[in-house]
């Protein structure tokens, strides 16, 4: 059972690194450290390593299934469970990826409303962003992967951590390994949500040239994000106390407040706006997968079902009124 995709619609195996990196570097990355540091304190970095080890095992299992069947999860479901049950399972993934898109989009809009434009209406920004997303998704998978490469630019902003050096409290790292295994495992459980996104490979597999060679790049993608997660957790530990994090909604953006240049007074405007480069890869990949599932389920072209899916995302985003609603969705 093999799915044949024309070469002009496929991407090189090394771009799997970009896909994984962009999916794990979404808007929710800015909220990464709050709960793990509250649970495991200065030992939260060990939870990142434990969670990463588990994700590498999951990738091995995913590729063992994909390499055996040489197709994506859509066809694997139908092959193993029959057309009826297989389609139902596929539709569950459609709902899941649409849910992820709504959450990421509403989180970004709330970020802009808090940091840049407090009076901005949710519907207006959502409409503009989804219009751009339609243009990207309708252009095909290769264009979407090209957009994913822009998320790598956000890693450049990591050098802003060095502006915080005078405010670091290295004593916060001590005493090391003072938390119980239960606390560390609880923090590991909280971190699993940050690694949600690798499942996109289950649907991108046929669109990768010589997909068996892409497994190592998937592992490299997870390794790169693990390094970034560890740095982010350590930054939070030496900058905040655990009780302070409970009052921080966007700890990943707080560091921008301490950056000042003669020509830029409010650098946080740049830092918060630049997160749009993290948003588009996630929502475009998720909605693309949802439209592909709908194509196989209802025998309809992806371009035709795309406006309907974007409409669902738009309505659902507008129905989340404030931060309380976002917290409910997140939980």
C-alpha atoms as a PDB file:
ATOM      1  CA  UNK A   1       0.000   0.000   0.000  1.00  0.00           C
ATOM      2  CA  UNK A   2       1.886   3.026  -1.298  1.00  0.00           C
ATOM      3  CA  UNK A   3       0.718   6.585  -1.892  1.00  0.00           C
ATOM      4  CA  UNK A   4       2.274   8.139  -4.993  1.00  0.00           C
ATOM      5  CA  UNK A   5       2.786  11.904  -4.969  1.00  0.00           C
ATOM      6  CA  UNK A   6       4.189  13.780  -7.956  1.00  0.00           C
ATOM      7  CA  UNK A   7       7.778  14.920  -7.451  1.00  0.00           C
ATOM      8  CA  UNK A   8       6.831  18.548  -7.997  1.00  0.00           C
ATOM      9  CA  UNK A   9       4.673  18.354  -4.850  1.00  0.00           C
ATOM     10  CA  UNK A  10       7.282  16.738  -2.604  1.00  0.00           C
ATOM     11  CA  UNK A  11      10.067  18.192  -0.459  1.00  0.00           C
ATOM     12  CA  UNK A  12      13.564  17.015   0.445  1.00  0.00           C
ATOM     13  CA  UNK A  13      14.006  14.827   3.558  1.00  0.00           C
ATOM     14  CA  UNK A  14      16.053  17.464   5.418  1.00  0.00           C
ATOM     15  CA  UNK A  15      13.032  19.782   5.415  1.00  0.00           C
ATOM     16  CA  UNK A  16      11.459  17.397   7.926  1.00  0.00           C
ATOM     17  CA  UNK A  17      13.686  19.212  10.411  1.00  0.00           C
ATOM     18  CA  UNK A  18      11.972  22.486   9.482  1.00  0.00           C
ATOM     19  CA  UNK A  19       8.484  20.964   9.761  1.00  0.00           C
ATOM     20  CA  UNK A  20       9.135  19.524  13.228  1.00  0.00           C
ATOM     21  CA  UNK A  21      10.887  22.671  14.432  1.00  0.00           C
ATOM     22  CA  UNK A  22       8.069  24.961  13.301  1.00  0.00           C
ATOM     23  CA  UNK A  23       5.342  22.779  14.828  1.00  0.00           C
ATOM     24  CA  UNK A  24       7.107  22.689  18.218  1.00  0.00           C
ATOM     25  CA  UNK A  25       7.938  26.410  18.147  1.00  0.00           C
ATOM     26  CA  UNK A  26       4.366  27.704  18.093  1.00  0.00           C
ATOM     27  CA  UNK A  27       2.779  30.509  20.088  1.00  0.00           C
ATOM     28  CA  UNK A  28       2.265  28.271  23.134  1.00  0.00           C
ATOM     29  CA  UNK A  29       6.072  28.086  23.438  1.00  0.00           C
ATOM     30  CA  UNK A  30       5.826  31.449  25.214  1.00  0.00           C
ATOM     31  CA  UNK A  31       3.834  29.749  28.004  1.00  0.00           C
ATOM     32  CA  UNK A  32       6.120  26.730  28.192  1.00  0.00           C
ATOM     33  CA  UNK A  33       7.856  27.316  31.512  1.00  0.00           C
ATOM     34  CA  UNK A  34       5.047  28.327  33.860  1.00  0.00           C
ATOM     35  CA  UNK A  35       3.693  25.001  35.118  1.00  0.00           C
ATOM     36  CA  UNK A  36       6.896  22.896  34.870  1.00  0.00           C
ATOM     37  CA  UNK A  37       8.898  25.416  36.922  1.00  0.00           C
ATOM     38  CA  UNK A  38       6.105  25.701  39.469  1.00  0.00           C
ATOM     39  CA  UNK A  39       6.099  21.910  39.857  1.00  0.00           C
ATOM     40  CA  UNK A  40       9.802  21.051  39.632  1.00  0.00           C
ATOM     41  CA  UNK A  41      11.478  24.396  40.295  1.00  0.00           C
ATOM     42  CA  UNK A  42      15.163  24.514  39.402  1.00  0.00           C
ATOM     43  CA  UNK A  43      15.028  20.833  38.389  1.00  0.00           C
ATOM     44  CA  UNK A  44      12.501  21.420  35.601  1.00  0.00           C
ATOM     45  CA  UNK A  45      15.241  21.063  32.977  1.00  0.00           C
ATOM     46  CA  UNK A  46      15.450  17.343  33.804  1.00  0.00           C
ATOM     47  CA  UNK A  47      11.758  17.059  32.957  1.00  0.00           C
ATOM     48  CA  UNK A  48      12.499  18.527  29.527  1.00  0.00           C
ATOM     49  CA  UNK A  49      15.113  15.833  28.900  1.00  0.00           C
ATOM     50  CA  UNK A  50      12.790  13.050  30.093  1.00  0.00           C
ATOM     51  CA  UNK A  51       9.956  14.290  27.901  1.00  0.00           C
ATOM     52  CA  UNK A  52      12.290  14.608  24.928  1.00  0.00           C
ATOM     53  CA  UNK A  53      13.485  11.013  25.373  1.00  0.00           C
ATOM     54  CA  UNK A  54       9.871   9.833  25.278  1.00  0.00           C
ATOM     55  CA  UNK A  55       9.191  11.848  22.117  1.00  0.00           C
ATOM     56  CA  UNK A  56      12.174  10.257  20.362  1.00  0.00           C
ATOM     57  CA  UNK A  57      10.694   6.844  21.148  1.00  0.00           C
ATOM     58  CA  UNK A  58       7.353   7.985  19.720  1.00  0.00           C
ATOM     59  CA  UNK A  59       9.087   9.086  16.498  1.00  0.00           C
ATOM     60  CA  UNK A  60      10.715   5.658  16.166  1.00  0.00           C
ATOM     61  CA  UNK A  61       7.309   3.993  16.561  1.00  0.00           C
ATOM     62  CA  UNK A  62       5.683   6.395  14.094  1.00  0.00           C
ATOM     63  CA  UNK A  63       8.257   5.720  11.405  1.00  0.00           C
ATOM     64  CA  UNK A  64       8.110   1.972  11.962  1.00  0.00           C
ATOM     65  CA  UNK A  65       4.410   2.112  11.034  1.00  0.00           C
ATOM     66  CA  UNK A  66       4.847   4.605   8.191  1.00  0.00           C
ATOM     67  CA  UNK A  67       7.792   2.773   6.630  1.00  0.00           C
ATOM     68  CA  UNK A  68       5.911  -0.523   6.765  1.00  0.00           C
ATOM     69  CA  UNK A  69       2.827   0.816   4.958  1.00  0.00           C
ATOM     70  CA  UNK A  70       4.542   3.467   2.793  1.00  0.00           C
ATOM     71  CA  UNK A  71       1.586   5.829   3.078  1.00  0.00           C
ATOM     72  CA  UNK A  72       0.034   8.334   5.460  1.00  0.00           C
ATOM     73  CA  UNK A  73      -2.233   7.752   8.446  1.00  0.00           C
ATOM     74  CA  UNK A  74      -5.350   8.527   6.405  1.00  0.00           C
ATOM     75  CA  UNK A  75      -4.902   5.428   4.258  1.00  0.00           C
ATOM     76  CA  UNK A  76      -3.523   3.340   7.124  1.00  0.00           C
ATOM     77  CA  UNK A  77      -6.740   3.900   9.091  1.00  0.00           C
ATOM     78  CA  UNK A  78      -8.886   2.794   6.152  1.00  0.00           C
ATOM     79  CA  UNK A  79      -6.635  -0.196   5.416  1.00  0.00           C
ATOM     80  CA  UNK A  80      -6.617  -1.487   9.005  1.00  0.00           C
ATOM     81  CA  UNK A  81     -10.113  -0.593  10.236  1.00  0.00           C
ATOM     82  CA  UNK A  82     -12.202  -0.493   7.088  1.00  0.00           C
ATOM     83  CA  UNK A  83     -13.720   2.474   5.316  1.00  0.00           C
ATOM     84  CA  UNK A  84     -16.382   3.344   7.915  1.00  0.00           C
ATOM     85  CA  UNK A  85     -14.291   3.238  11.090  1.00  0.00           C
ATOM     86  CA  UNK A  86     -11.243   4.557   9.245  1.00  0.00           C
ATOM     87  CA  UNK A  87     -13.110   7.647   8.074  1.00  0.00           C
ATOM     88  CA  UNK A  88     -14.413   8.290  11.586  1.00  0.00           C
ATOM     89  CA  UNK A  89     -10.875   8.132  12.976  1.00  0.00           C
ATOM     90  CA  UNK A  90      -9.683  10.474  10.246  1.00  0.00           C
ATOM     91  CA  UNK A  91     -12.446  12.965  11.041  1.00  0.00           C
ATOM     92  CA  UNK A  92     -11.329  12.949  14.676  1.00  0.00           C
ATOM     93  CA  UNK A  93      -7.921  14.104  13.492  1.00  0.00           C
ATOM     94  CA  UNK A  94      -9.626  16.780  11.404  1.00  0.00           C
ATOM     95  CA  UNK A  95     -11.325  18.107  14.530  1.00  0.00           C
ATOM     96  CA  UNK A  96      -8.069  17.893  16.479  1.00  0.00           C
ATOM     97  CA  UNK A  97      -6.033  19.890  13.964  1.00  0.00           C
ATOM     98  CA  UNK A  98      -8.768  22.501  13.640  1.00  0.00           C
ATOM     99  CA  UNK A  99      -8.788  22.771  17.435  1.00  0.00           C
ATOM    100  CA  UNK A 100      -5.017  23.344  17.434  1.00  0.00           C
ATOM    101  CA  UNK A 101      -5.425  26.038  14.781  1.00  0.00           C
ATOM    102  CA  UNK A 102      -8.104  27.830  16.788  1.00  0.00           C
ATOM    103  CA  UNK A 103      -6.021  27.706  19.964  1.00  0.00           C
ATOM    104  CA  UNK A 104      -2.844  28.993  18.306  1.00  0.00           C
ATOM    105  CA  UNK A 105      -4.686  31.743  16.434  1.00  0.00           C
ATOM    106  CA  UNK A 106      -6.601  32.979  19.493  1.00  0.00           C
ATOM    107  CA  UNK A 107      -3.447  32.864  21.601  1.00  0.00           C
ATOM    108  CA  UNK A 108      -1.600  35.052  19.093  1.00  0.00           C
ATOM    109  CA  UNK A 109      -4.476  37.531  18.889  1.00  0.00           C
ATOM    110  CA  UNK A 110      -4.564  37.789  22.677  1.00  0.00           C
ATOM    111  CA  UNK A 111      -0.810  38.404  22.681  1.00  0.00           C
ATOM    112  CA  UNK A 112      -1.216  41.289  20.227  1.00  0.00           C
ATOM    113  CA  UNK A 113      -4.145  42.676  22.220  1.00  0.00           C
ATOM    114  CA  UNK A 114      -2.104  42.656  25.440  1.00  0.00           C
ATOM    115  CA  UNK A 115       1.265  43.855  24.158  1.00  0.00           C
ATOM    116  CA  UNK A 116       0.572  46.009  21.098  1.00  0.00           C
ATOM    117  CA  UNK A 117      -3.037  46.992  20.349  1.00  0.00           C
ATOM    118  CA  UNK A 118      -5.311  46.702  23.425  1.00  0.00           C
ATOM    119  CA  UNK A 119      -8.392  47.946  21.542  1.00  0.00           C
ATOM    120  CA  UNK A 120      -7.999  45.565  18.604  1.00  0.00           C
ATOM    121  CA  UNK A 121     -11.068  43.447  17.826  1.00  0.00           C
ATOM    122  CA  UNK A 122     -10.571  39.695  17.690  1.00  0.00           C
ATOM    123  CA  UNK A 123     -12.582  39.209  14.508  1.00  0.00           C
ATOM    124  CA  UNK A 124     -10.672  41.777  12.451  1.00  0.00           C
ATOM    125  CA  UNK A 125      -7.213  40.323  13.076  1.00  0.00           C
ATOM    126  CA  UNK A 126      -8.506  36.746  12.761  1.00  0.00           C
ATOM    127  CA  UNK A 127     -10.058  37.560   9.385  1.00  0.00           C
ATOM    128  CA  UNK A 128      -6.858  39.102   8.049  1.00  0.00           C
ATOM    129  CA  UNK A 129      -4.633  36.271   9.262  1.00  0.00           C
ATOM    130  CA  UNK A 130      -6.930  33.564   7.891  1.00  0.00           C
ATOM    131  CA  UNK A 131      -7.084  35.320   4.517  1.00  0.00           C
ATOM    132  CA  UNK A 132      -3.286  35.116   4.316  1.00  0.00           C
ATOM    133  CA  UNK A 133      -3.430  31.496   5.511  1.00  0.00           C
ATOM    134  CA  UNK A 134      -5.858  30.664   2.680  1.00  0.00           C
ATOM    135  CA  UNK A 135      -3.439  32.032   0.097  1.00  0.00           C
ATOM    136  CA  UNK A 136      -0.563  29.995   1.574  1.00  0.00           C
ATOM    137  CA  UNK A 137      -2.477  26.710   1.930  1.00  0.00           C
ATOM    138  CA  UNK A 138      -4.048  26.965  -1.523  1.00  0.00           C
ATOM    139  CA  UNK A 139      -0.548  27.302  -2.993  1.00  0.00           C
ATOM    140  CA  UNK A 140       0.331  23.758  -1.932  1.00  0.00           C
ATOM    141  CA  UNK A 141       2.457  21.800   0.504  1.00  0.00           C
ATOM    142  CA  UNK A 142       5.805  23.041  -0.811  1.00  0.00           C
ATOM    143  CA  UNK A 143       4.820  26.657  -0.207  1.00  0.00           C
ATOM    144  CA  UNK A 144       3.650  25.790   3.312  1.00  0.00           C
ATOM    145  CA  UNK A 145       7.021  24.202   4.085  1.00  0.00           C
ATOM    146  CA  UNK A 146       8.682  27.313   2.685  1.00  0.00           C
ATOM    147  CA  UNK A 147       6.686  29.411   5.145  1.00  0.00           C
ATOM    148  CA  UNK A 148       7.811  27.055   7.917  1.00  0.00           C
ATOM    149  CA  UNK A 149      11.411  28.116   7.327  1.00  0.00           C
ATOM    150  CA  UNK A 150      10.511  31.606   8.554  1.00  0.00           C
ATOM    151  CA  UNK A 151       9.937  30.206  12.034  1.00  0.00           C
ATOM    152  CA  UNK A 152      13.697  29.598  12.183  1.00  0.00           C
ATOM    153  CA  UNK A 153      14.178  33.376  12.167  1.00  0.00           C
ATOM    154  CA  UNK A 154      12.602  33.557  15.617  1.00  0.00           C
ATOM    155  CA  UNK A 155      15.548  31.662  17.050  1.00  0.00           C
ATOM    156  CA  UNK A 156      17.631  34.773  16.339  1.00  0.00           C
ATOM    157  CA  UNK A 157      15.640  36.555  19.047  1.00  0.00           C
ATOM    158  CA  UNK A 158      17.126  34.105  21.541  1.00  0.00           C
ATOM    159  CA  UNK A 159      20.225  36.299  21.738  1.00  0.00           C
ATOM    160  CA  UNK A 160      18.058  38.810  23.611  1.00  0.00           C
ATOM    161  CA  UNK A 161      18.536  36.597  26.670  1.00  0.00           C
ATOM    162  CA  UNK A 162      22.029  38.073  27.028  1.00  0.00           C
ATOM    163  CA  UNK A 163      20.483  41.483  27.694  1.00  0.00           C
ATOM    164  CA  UNK A 164      19.145  39.960  30.913  1.00  0.00           C
ATOM    165  CA  UNK A 165      22.576  38.991  32.294  1.00  0.00           C
ATOM    166  CA  UNK A 166      22.607  41.697  35.014  1.00  0.00           C
ATOM    167  CA  UNK A 167      19.280  40.360  36.300  1.00  0.00           C
ATOM    168  CA  UNK A 168      20.231  36.675  36.479  1.00  0.00           C
ATOM    169  CA  UNK A 169      20.246  35.026  39.916  1.00  0.00           C
ATOM    170  CA  UNK A 170      22.333  31.890  39.473  1.00  0.00           C
ATOM    171  CA  UNK A 171      21.692  30.924  43.097  1.00  0.00           C
ATOM    172  CA  UNK A 172      18.179  30.001  41.975  1.00  0.00           C
ATOM    173  CA  UNK A 173      19.676  26.859  40.398  1.00  0.00           C
ATOM    174  CA  UNK A 174      20.553  25.528  43.849  1.00  0.00           C
ATOM    175  CA  UNK A 175      20.024  23.134  45.487  1.00  0.00           C
ATOM    176  CA  UNK A 176      20.179  20.880  42.436  1.00  0.00           C
ATOM    177  CA  UNK A 177      18.016  17.741  42.182  1.00  0.00           C
ATOM    178  CA  UNK A 178      16.142  18.589  45.363  1.00  0.00           C
ATOM    179  CA  UNK A 179      12.681  17.743  44.028  1.00  0.00           C
ATOM    180  CA  UNK A 180      11.046  14.356  44.306  1.00  0.00           C
ATOM    181  CA  UNK A 181      10.627  12.040  41.301  1.00  0.00           C
ATOM    182  CA  UNK A 182       6.892  12.678  41.552  1.00  0.00           C
ATOM    183  CA  UNK A 183       7.388  16.433  41.048  1.00  0.00           C
ATOM    184  CA  UNK A 184       9.733  15.881  38.118  1.00  0.00           C
ATOM    185  CA  UNK A 185       7.329  13.422  36.473  1.00  0.00           C
ATOM    186  CA  UNK A 186       4.440  15.843  37.013  1.00  0.00           C
ATOM    187  CA  UNK A 187       6.449  18.548  35.257  1.00  0.00           C
ATOM    188  CA  UNK A 188       7.257  16.063  32.482  1.00  0.00           C
ATOM    189  CA  UNK A 189       3.552  15.427  32.014  1.00  0.00           C
ATOM    190  CA  UNK A 190       2.911  19.166  31.654  1.00  0.00           C
ATOM    191  CA  UNK A 191       5.663  19.433  29.052  1.00  0.00           C
ATOM    192  CA  UNK A 192       4.160  16.784  26.781  1.00  0.00           C
ATOM    193  CA  UNK A 193       1.741  19.386  25.405  1.00  0.00           C
ATOM    194  CA  UNK A 194       4.719  21.431  24.190  1.00  0.00           C
ATOM    195  CA  UNK A 195       5.866  18.490  22.058  1.00  0.00           C
ATOM    196  CA  UNK A 196       2.450  18.038  20.476  1.00  0.00           C
ATOM    197  CA  UNK A 197       2.963  18.652  16.780  1.00  0.00           C
ATOM    198  CA  UNK A 198       5.212  15.799  15.709  1.00  0.00           C
ATOM    199  CA  UNK A 199       2.048  13.896  14.757  1.00  0.00           C
ATOM    200  CA  UNK A 200       1.880  16.098  11.661  1.00  0.00           C
ATOM    201  CA  UNK A 201       4.515  13.769  10.158  1.00  0.00           C
ATOM    202  CA  UNK A 202       1.893  11.012  10.028  1.00  0.00           C
ATOM    203  CA  UNK A 203       0.188  13.000   7.272  1.00  0.00           C
ATOM    204  CA  UNK A 204       3.187  14.659   5.585  1.00  0.00           C
ATOM    205  CA  UNK A 205       5.035  11.366   5.057  1.00  0.00           C
ATOM    206  CA  UNK A 206       4.036  10.779   1.373  1.00  0.00           C
ATOM    207  CA  UNK A 207       5.077  14.342   0.485  1.00  0.00           C
ATOM    208  CA  UNK A 208       8.702  13.730   1.467  1.00  0.00           C
ATOM    209  CA  UNK A 209      11.147  12.412  -1.127  1.00  0.00           C
ATOM    210  CA  UNK A 210      12.649   9.102   0.046  1.00  0.00           C
ATOM    211  CA  UNK A 211      10.718   9.467   3.330  1.00  0.00           C
ATOM    212  CA  UNK A 212      12.726   6.770   5.109  1.00  0.00           C
ATOM    213  CA  UNK A 213      15.691   9.152   5.079  1.00  0.00           C
ATOM    214  CA  UNK A 214      13.656  11.816   6.861  1.00  0.00           C
ATOM    215  CA  UNK A 215      13.570  10.040  10.229  1.00  0.00           C
ATOM    216  CA  UNK A 216      16.976  11.319  11.338  1.00  0.00           C
ATOM    217  CA  UNK A 217      15.896  14.863  10.484  1.00  0.00           C
ATOM    218  CA  UNK A 218      12.789  14.438  12.623  1.00  0.00           C
ATOM    219  CA  UNK A 219      15.046  13.459  15.521  1.00  0.00           C
ATOM    220  CA  UNK A 220      17.292  16.462  14.839  1.00  0.00           C
ATOM    221  CA  UNK A 221      14.230  18.708  14.906  1.00  0.00           C
ATOM    222  CA  UNK A 222      13.212  17.414  18.319  1.00  0.00           C
ATOM    223  CA  UNK A 223      16.808  17.716  19.574  1.00  0.00           C
ATOM    224  CA  UNK A 224      17.023  21.348  18.478  1.00  0.00           C
ATOM    225  CA  UNK A 225      13.770  22.202  20.225  1.00  0.00           C
ATOM    226  CA  UNK A 226      14.855  20.304  23.338  1.00  0.00           C
ATOM    227  CA  UNK A 227      17.922  22.538  23.528  1.00  0.00           C
ATOM    228  CA  UNK A 228      15.739  25.627  23.143  1.00  0.00           C
ATOM    229  CA  UNK A 229      13.298  24.338  25.787  1.00  0.00           C
ATOM    230  CA  UNK A 230      16.145  23.706  28.256  1.00  0.00           C
ATOM    231  CA  UNK A 231      17.532  27.213  27.705  1.00  0.00           C
ATOM    232  CA  UNK A 232      14.073  28.724  28.150  1.00  0.00           C
ATOM    233  CA  UNK A 233      13.463  26.787  31.375  1.00  0.00           C
ATOM    234  CA  UNK A 234      16.863  27.723  32.815  1.00  0.00           C
ATOM    235  CA  UNK A 235      16.238  31.346  31.862  1.00  0.00           C
ATOM    236  CA  UNK A 236      12.935  31.306  33.743  1.00  0.00           C
ATOM    237  CA  UNK A 237      14.536  29.701  36.812  1.00  0.00           C
ATOM    238  CA  UNK A 238      17.359  32.228  37.127  1.00  0.00           C
ATOM    239  CA  UNK A 239      15.074  35.180  36.354  1.00  0.00           C
ATOM    240  CA  UNK A 240      11.887  34.430  38.300  1.00  0.00           C
ATOM    241  CA  UNK A 241      10.948  32.757  41.514  1.00  0.00           C
ATOM    242  CA  UNK A 242       8.335  29.977  41.139  1.00  0.00           C
ATOM    243  CA  UNK A 243       5.702  32.094  42.904  1.00  0.00           C
ATOM    244  CA  UNK A 244       6.401  34.983  40.518  1.00  0.00           C
ATOM    245  CA  UNK A 245       5.660  32.833  37.485  1.00  0.00           C
ATOM    246  CA  UNK A 246       2.071  32.433  38.654  1.00  0.00           C
ATOM    247  CA  UNK A 247       1.657  36.170  37.963  1.00  0.00           C
ATOM    248  CA  UNK A 248       3.401  36.035  34.582  1.00  0.00           C
ATOM    249  CA  UNK A 249       1.100  35.343  31.640  1.00  0.00           C
ATOM    250  CA  UNK A 250       3.808  35.710  28.974  1.00  0.00           C
ATOM    251  CA  UNK A 251       7.162  34.915  30.630  1.00  0.00           C
ATOM    252  CA  UNK A 252       8.743  34.321  27.235  1.00  0.00           C
ATOM    253  CA  UNK A 253       8.118  37.956  26.277  1.00  0.00           C
ATOM    254  CA  UNK A 254       9.076  39.604  29.566  1.00  0.00           C
ATOM    255  CA  UNK A 255      12.755  39.702  28.608  1.00  0.00           C
ATOM    256  CA  UNK A 256      11.973  42.126  25.803  1.00  0.00           C
ATOM    257  CA  UNK A 257      11.063  44.780  28.375  1.00  0.00           C
ATOM    258  CA  UNK A 258      14.711  44.983  29.408  1.00  0.00           C
ATOM    259  CA  UNK A 259      16.019  45.622  25.896  1.00  0.00           C
ATOM    260  CA  UNK A 260      16.581  49.211  24.853  1.00  0.00           C
ATOM    261  CA  UNK A 261      18.340  50.711  21.873  1.00  0.00           C
ATOM    262  CA  UNK A 262      18.813  54.372  20.996  1.00  0.00           C
ATOM    263  CA  UNK A 263      16.581  53.841  17.972  1.00  0.00           C
ATOM    264  CA  UNK A 264      14.074  51.377  19.533  1.00  0.00           C
ATOM    265  CA  UNK A 265      12.480  52.247  22.855  1.00  0.00           C
ATOM    266  CA  UNK A 266       9.823  49.522  23.039  1.00  0.00           C
ATOM    267  CA  UNK A 267      11.498  46.373  21.738  1.00  0.00           C
ATOM    268  CA  UNK A 268       8.643  44.229  23.075  1.00  0.00           C
ATOM    269  CA  UNK A 269       6.514  45.524  20.188  1.00  0.00           C
ATOM    270  CA  UNK A 270       8.971  43.936  17.772  1.00  0.00           C
ATOM    271  CA  UNK A 271       9.332  40.725  19.790  1.00  0.00           C
ATOM    272  CA  UNK A 272       5.600  40.172  20.168  1.00  0.00           C
ATOM    273  CA  UNK A 273       4.798  41.007  16.543  1.00  0.00           C
ATOM    274  CA  UNK A 274       7.567  38.693  15.290  1.00  0.00           C
ATOM    275  CA  UNK A 275       5.709  35.728  16.769  1.00  0.00           C
ATOM    276  CA  UNK A 276       3.466  35.807  13.701  1.00  0.00           C
ATOM    277  CA  UNK A 277       6.316  33.900  12.029  1.00  0.00           C
ATOM    278  CA  UNK A 278       5.560  31.069  14.455  1.00  0.00           C
ATOM    279  CA  UNK A 279       1.812  31.226  13.905  1.00  0.00           C
ATOM    280  CA  UNK A 280       1.508  30.690  10.153  1.00  0.00           C
ATOM    281  CA  UNK A 281       3.499  27.430   9.937  1.00  0.00           C
ATOM    282  CA  UNK A 282       1.330  25.812  12.614  1.00  0.00           C
ATOM    283  CA  UNK A 283      -2.099  26.884  11.392  1.00  0.00           C
ATOM    284  CA  UNK A 284      -1.224  26.339   7.722  1.00  0.00           C
ATOM    285  CA  UNK A 285       0.035  22.794   8.293  1.00  0.00           C
ATOM    286  CA  UNK A 286      -2.894  21.921  10.562  1.00  0.00           C
ATOM    287  CA  UNK A 287      -5.571  23.266   8.227  1.00  0.00           C
ATOM    288  CA  UNK A 288      -3.818  21.696   5.231  1.00  0.00           C
ATOM    289  CA  UNK A 289      -3.978  18.284   6.935  1.00  0.00           C
ATOM    290  CA  UNK A 290      -7.650  18.833   7.804  1.00  0.00           C
ATOM    291  CA  UNK A 291      -8.468  19.713   4.192  1.00  0.00           C
ATOM    292  CA  UNK A 292      -6.561  16.668   2.937  1.00  0.00           C
ATOM    293  CA  UNK A 293      -8.551  14.403   5.254  1.00  0.00           C
ATOM    294  CA  UNK A 294     -11.797  15.986   4.028  1.00  0.00           C
ATOM    295  CA  UNK A 295     -10.651  15.400   0.452  1.00  0.00           C
ATOM    296  CA  UNK A 296     -10.313  11.651   1.035  1.00  0.00           C
ATOM    297  CA  UNK A 297     -13.432  11.394   3.198  1.00  0.00           C
ATOM    298  CA  UNK A 298     -15.915  13.274   1.004  1.00  0.00           C
ATOM    299  CA  UNK A 299     -14.163  13.110  -2.404  1.00  0.00           C
ATOM    300  CA  UNK A 300     -13.928  16.880  -2.664  1.00  0.00           C
ATOM    301  CA  UNK A 301     -11.031  19.045  -3.802  1.00  0.00           C
ATOM    302  CA  UNK A 302      -8.925  20.576  -1.042  1.00  0.00           C
ATOM    303  CA  UNK A 303      -9.280  24.084  -2.464  1.00  0.00           C
ATOM    304  CA  UNK A 304     -13.068  23.828  -2.314  1.00  0.00           C
ATOM    305  CA  UNK A 305     -13.253  22.622   1.276  1.00  0.00           C
ATOM    306  CA  UNK A 306     -10.650  25.136   2.452  1.00  0.00           C
ATOM    307  CA  UNK A 307     -13.030  28.147   2.813  1.00  0.00           C
ATOM    308  CA  UNK A 308     -15.380  26.027   4.931  1.00  0.00           C
ATOM    309  CA  UNK A 309     -12.578  24.945   7.289  1.00  0.00           C
ATOM    310  CA  UNK A 310     -11.255  28.489   7.573  1.00  0.00           C
ATOM    311  CA  UNK A 311     -14.780  29.659   8.339  1.00  0.00           C
ATOM    312  CA  UNK A 312     -15.037  27.126  11.161  1.00  0.00           C
ATOM    313  CA  UNK A 313     -11.697  28.304  12.572  1.00  0.00           C
ATOM    314  CA  UNK A 314     -12.794  31.947  12.298  1.00  0.00           C
ATOM    315  CA  UNK A 315     -16.101  31.409  14.094  1.00  0.00           C
ATOM    316  CA  UNK A 316     -14.531  29.272  16.824  1.00  0.00           C
ATOM    317  CA  UNK A 317     -11.791  31.874  17.370  1.00  0.00           C
ATOM    318  CA  UNK A 318     -14.315  34.685  17.738  1.00  0.00           C
ATOM    319  CA  UNK A 319     -16.308  32.622  20.256  1.00  0.00           C
ATOM    320  CA  UNK A 320     -13.367  32.675  22.700  1.00  0.00           C
ATOM    321  CA  UNK A 321     -13.912  36.080  24.328  1.00  0.00           C
ATOM    322  CA  UNK A 322     -10.998  36.583  26.708  1.00  0.00           C
ATOM    323  CA  UNK A 323      -8.111  35.065  28.648  1.00  0.00           C
ATOM    324  CA  UNK A 324     -10.456  32.957  30.761  1.00  0.00           C
ATOM    325  CA  UNK A 325     -11.780  31.284  27.625  1.00  0.00           C
ATOM    326  CA  UNK A 326      -8.242  30.665  26.388  1.00  0.00           C
ATOM    327  CA  UNK A 327      -7.312  29.030  29.702  1.00  0.00           C
ATOM    328  CA  UNK A 328     -10.354  26.759  29.407  1.00  0.00           C
ATOM    329  CA  UNK A 329      -9.300  25.710  25.903  1.00  0.00           C
ATOM    330  CA  UNK A 330      -5.711  25.204  27.046  1.00  0.00           C
ATOM    331  CA  UNK A 331      -6.739  22.979  29.950  1.00  0.00           C
END
